[in-house]
Amino acid sequence: MNGKKVEKELLQLQKNMYNFAYSLTLNEEEAGDLLQDTSLKVLDNKEKYSDDTNFKGWVLTIMRNIFINNYRKIVRNQTMIDSTEDLYHLNLSQDSGLDTPDGAYTLNELNQGIDALPKEYAKPFRMHVDGFKYEEIAEEMNLPIGTVKSRIFSARKSLQSEFKDYK
């Protein structure tokens, strides 16, 4: 496929590419960046494309690989290596943020969110957060373990939806 044909095909795929990028990133701005990075990479490597290959599959594979590589880079950059003698940094107590006024306010809001759940969802969720195992919760509430897992999952999803703006 010549360069002009690759460019034409790439332009026709932009909407599909954006939708795929959004499904990976779940963020409009990051999806746009990923779309742009992918388009540049495709154009830089158009001579590597062979006509017997599915063009859309080739492009979306490039996009997925860029996304994975970027994710790995972020994780790698956030990894702290403690090279101090006696691992000083790793032995520091970790601040949960709940001691601050903002943290306490958020904790209060979360508790209110849990309290707003129906009782049959709130109780197993609280027990799970408190460290009880699924089997222990099922025994305490006299429910099948699958029901307990389902209720905890539903409560978690409900709270994630309610507090989606918090990071």
Protein backbone atom coordinates (compact mmCIF):
# COMPACT_ATOMS: atom_id res chain seq x y z
CA MET A 1 0.00 0.00 0.00
CA ASN A 2 1.49 3.35 -0.95
CA GLY A 3 1.83 6.29 1.44
CA LYS A 4 -1.21 8.20 0.19
CA LYS A 5 -3.44 5.15 0.52
CA VAL A 6 -2.24 4.57 4.11
CA GLU A 7 -3.02 8.19 4.96
CA LYS A 8 -6.50 7.89 3.40
CA GLU A 9 -7.26 4.64 5.27
CA LEU A 10 -5.95 6.17 8.49
CA LEU A 11 -8.25 9.18 8.15
CA GLN A 12 -11.23 6.90 7.63
CA LEU A 13 -10.37 4.99 10.82
CA GLN A 14 -10.11 8.03 13.12
CA LYS A 15 -13.55 7.57 14.74
CA ASN A 16 -12.95 3.86 15.37
CA MET A 17 -9.49 4.64 16.69
CA TYR A 18 -10.84 7.29 19.08
CA ASN A 19 -13.52 4.92 20.37
CA PHE A 20 -10.91 2.21 20.99
CA ALA A 21 -8.56 4.73 22.65
CA TYR A 22 -11.38 5.91 24.91
CA SER A 23 -12.20 2.32 25.87
CA LEU A 24 -8.57 1.88 26.95
CA THR A 25 -8.10 5.18 28.79
CA LEU A 26 -11.64 6.09 29.94
CA ASN A 27 -10.60 9.73 29.57
CA GLU A 28 -11.34 11.99 26.60
CA GLU A 29 -8.08 13.94 26.76
CA GLU A 30 -5.90 10.84 27.13
CA ALA A 31 -7.85 9.15 24.32
CA GLY A 32 -7.08 12.11 22.05
CA ASP A 33 -3.39 11.92 22.97
CA LEU A 34 -3.33 8.18 22.32
CA LEU A 35 -5.07 8.69 18.97
CA GLN A 36 -2.48 11.28 17.99
CA ASP A 37 0.48 9.12 19.11
CA THR A 38 -0.90 6.17 17.18
CA SER A 39 -1.50 8.18 14.03
CA LEU A 40 2.07 9.48 14.11
CA LYS A 41 3.48 6.02 14.68
CA VAL A 42 1.41 4.58 11.80
CA LEU A 43 2.57 7.35 9.47
CA ASP A 44 6.20 6.92 10.56
CA ASN A 45 6.01 3.17 9.90
CA LYS A 46 3.73 3.05 6.84
CA GLU A 47 6.42 1.29 4.80
CA LYS A 48 6.25 -1.66 7.24
CA TYR A 49 2.58 -2.31 6.41
CA SER A 50 1.99 -5.11 3.91
CA ASP A 51 -1.13 -5.29 1.75
CA ASP A 52 -2.05 -8.80 2.93
CA THR A 53 -2.56 -7.53 6.52
CA ASN A 54 -5.81 -6.19 7.96
CA PHE A 55 -5.12 -2.44 8.14
CA LYS A 56 -7.59 -1.73 10.96
CA GLY A 57 -6.19 -4.61 13.03
CA TRP A 58 -2.64 -3.40 12.40
CA VAL A 59 -3.47 0.15 13.49
CA LEU A 60 -5.41 -0.88 16.60
CA THR A 61 -2.61 -3.26 17.61
CA ILE A 62 -0.17 -0.35 17.39
CA MET A 63 -2.55 1.71 19.56
CA ARG A 64 -2.90 -1.02 22.16
CA ASN A 65 0.89 -1.49 22.30
CA ILE A 66 1.44 2.26 22.77
CA PHE A 67 -1.14 2.27 25.58
CA ILE A 68 0.51 -0.71 27.31
CA ASN A 69 3.98 0.79 26.98
CA ASN A 70 2.80 4.12 28.39
CA TYR A 71 1.11 2.35 31.30
CA ARG A 72 4.27 0.39 32.06
CA LYS A 73 6.30 3.59 31.93
CA ILE A 74 3.97 5.27 34.43
CA VAL A 75 4.14 2.29 36.79
CA ARG A 76 7.92 2.15 36.48
CA ASN A 77 8.22 5.88 37.25
CA GLN A 78 6.02 5.54 40.34
CA THR A 79 8.06 2.65 41.75
CA MET A 80 10.26 3.81 44.58
CA ILE A 81 13.54 2.03 45.11
CA ASP A 82 14.84 2.51 48.62
CA SER A 83 18.61 2.41 48.43
CA THR A 84 19.17 3.93 51.86
CA GLU A 85 21.04 1.99 54.46
CA ASP A 86 18.61 -0.06 56.60
CA LEU A 87 15.71 0.75 54.21
CA TYR A 88 14.82 3.98 56.00
CA HIS A 89 12.09 5.08 53.55
CA LEU A 90 10.30 1.74 53.54
CA ASN A 91 10.20 1.67 57.31
CA LEU A 92 8.50 5.08 57.61
CA SER A 93 4.91 4.92 58.73
CA GLN A 94 2.49 5.43 55.85
CA ASP A 95 0.10 8.37 56.13
CA SER A 96 -3.42 7.33 55.22
CA GLY A 97 -4.56 10.94 54.86
CA LEU A 98 -7.47 10.28 57.21
CA ASP A 99 -5.89 12.41 59.95
CA THR A 100 -6.31 15.57 57.91
CA PRO A 101 -9.55 17.54 57.89
CA ASP A 102 -10.04 16.71 54.21
CA GLY A 103 -9.41 13.02 54.86
CA ALA A 104 -11.82 12.92 57.77
CA TYR A 105 -14.44 14.72 55.71
CA THR A 106 -14.06 12.18 52.94
CA LEU A 107 -14.26 9.31 55.41
CA ASN A 108 -17.46 10.78 56.84
CA GLU A 109 -18.91 11.07 53.34
CA LEU A 110 -17.97 7.47 52.59
CA ASN A 111 -19.62 6.31 55.80
CA GLN A 112 -22.76 8.24 54.86
CA GLY A 113 -22.66 6.62 51.42
CA ILE A 114 -22.42 3.17 52.99
CA ASP A 115 -25.24 4.03 55.43
CA ALA A 116 -27.41 5.08 52.47
CA LEU A 117 -27.10 1.60 50.95
CA PRO A 118 -29.90 -0.89 51.65
CA LYS A 119 -29.16 -2.80 54.87
CA GLU A 120 -28.70 -6.12 53.05
CA TYR A 121 -25.83 -4.54 51.06
CA ALA A 122 -24.33 -2.27 53.72
CA LYS A 123 -23.82 -4.95 56.38
CA PRO A 124 -21.83 -7.43 54.26
CA PHE A 125 -19.85 -4.56 52.73
CA ARG A 126 -18.88 -3.16 56.14
CA MET A 127 -17.94 -6.64 57.36
CA HIS A 128 -15.79 -7.16 54.26
CA VAL A 129 -14.05 -3.80 54.77
CA ASP A 130 -13.49 -4.72 58.42
CA GLY A 131 -11.55 -7.79 57.28
CA PHE A 132 -14.09 -10.59 57.50
CA LYS A 133 -13.75 -13.35 54.92
CA TYR A 134 -16.62 -14.11 52.56
CA GLU A 135 -17.26 -17.41 54.37
CA GLU A 136 -17.47 -15.67 57.74
CA ILE A 137 -19.90 -13.08 56.40
CA ALA A 138 -22.04 -15.78 54.79
CA GLU A 139 -22.15 -17.72 58.06
CA GLU A 140 -22.95 -14.62 60.13
CA MET A 141 -25.75 -13.51 57.81
CA ASN A 142 -26.96 -17.05 57.06
CA LEU A 143 -26.64 -16.52 53.29
CA PRO A 144 -24.99 -18.44 50.45
CA ILE A 145 -21.44 -17.25 49.76
CA GLY A 146 -22.38 -16.27 46.20
CA THR A 147 -25.07 -13.92 47.51
CA VAL A 148 -22.56 -12.32 49.87
CA LYS A 149 -20.04 -11.78 47.07
CA SER A 150 -22.75 -10.37 44.83
CA ARG A 151 -23.96 -7.92 47.47
CA ILE A 152 -20.43 -6.74 48.25
CA PHE A 153 -19.76 -6.27 44.53
CA SER A 154 -23.01 -4.33 44.09
CA ALA A 155 -22.26 -2.13 47.10
CA ARG A 156 -18.76 -1.41 45.80
CA LYS A 157 -20.11 -0.51 42.34
CA SER A 158 -22.76 1.74 43.86
CA LEU A 159 -20.18 3.56 45.98
CA GLN A 160 -17.76 3.89 43.04
CA SER A 161 -20.54 5.45 41.02
CA GLU A 162 -21.52 7.80 43.83
CA PHE A 163 -17.94 8.89 44.54
CA LYS A 164 -16.54 8.79 40.99
CA ASP A 165 -15.14 12.32 41.35
CA TYR A 166 -12.84 11.30 44.22
CA LYS A 167 -9.39 10.00 43.40
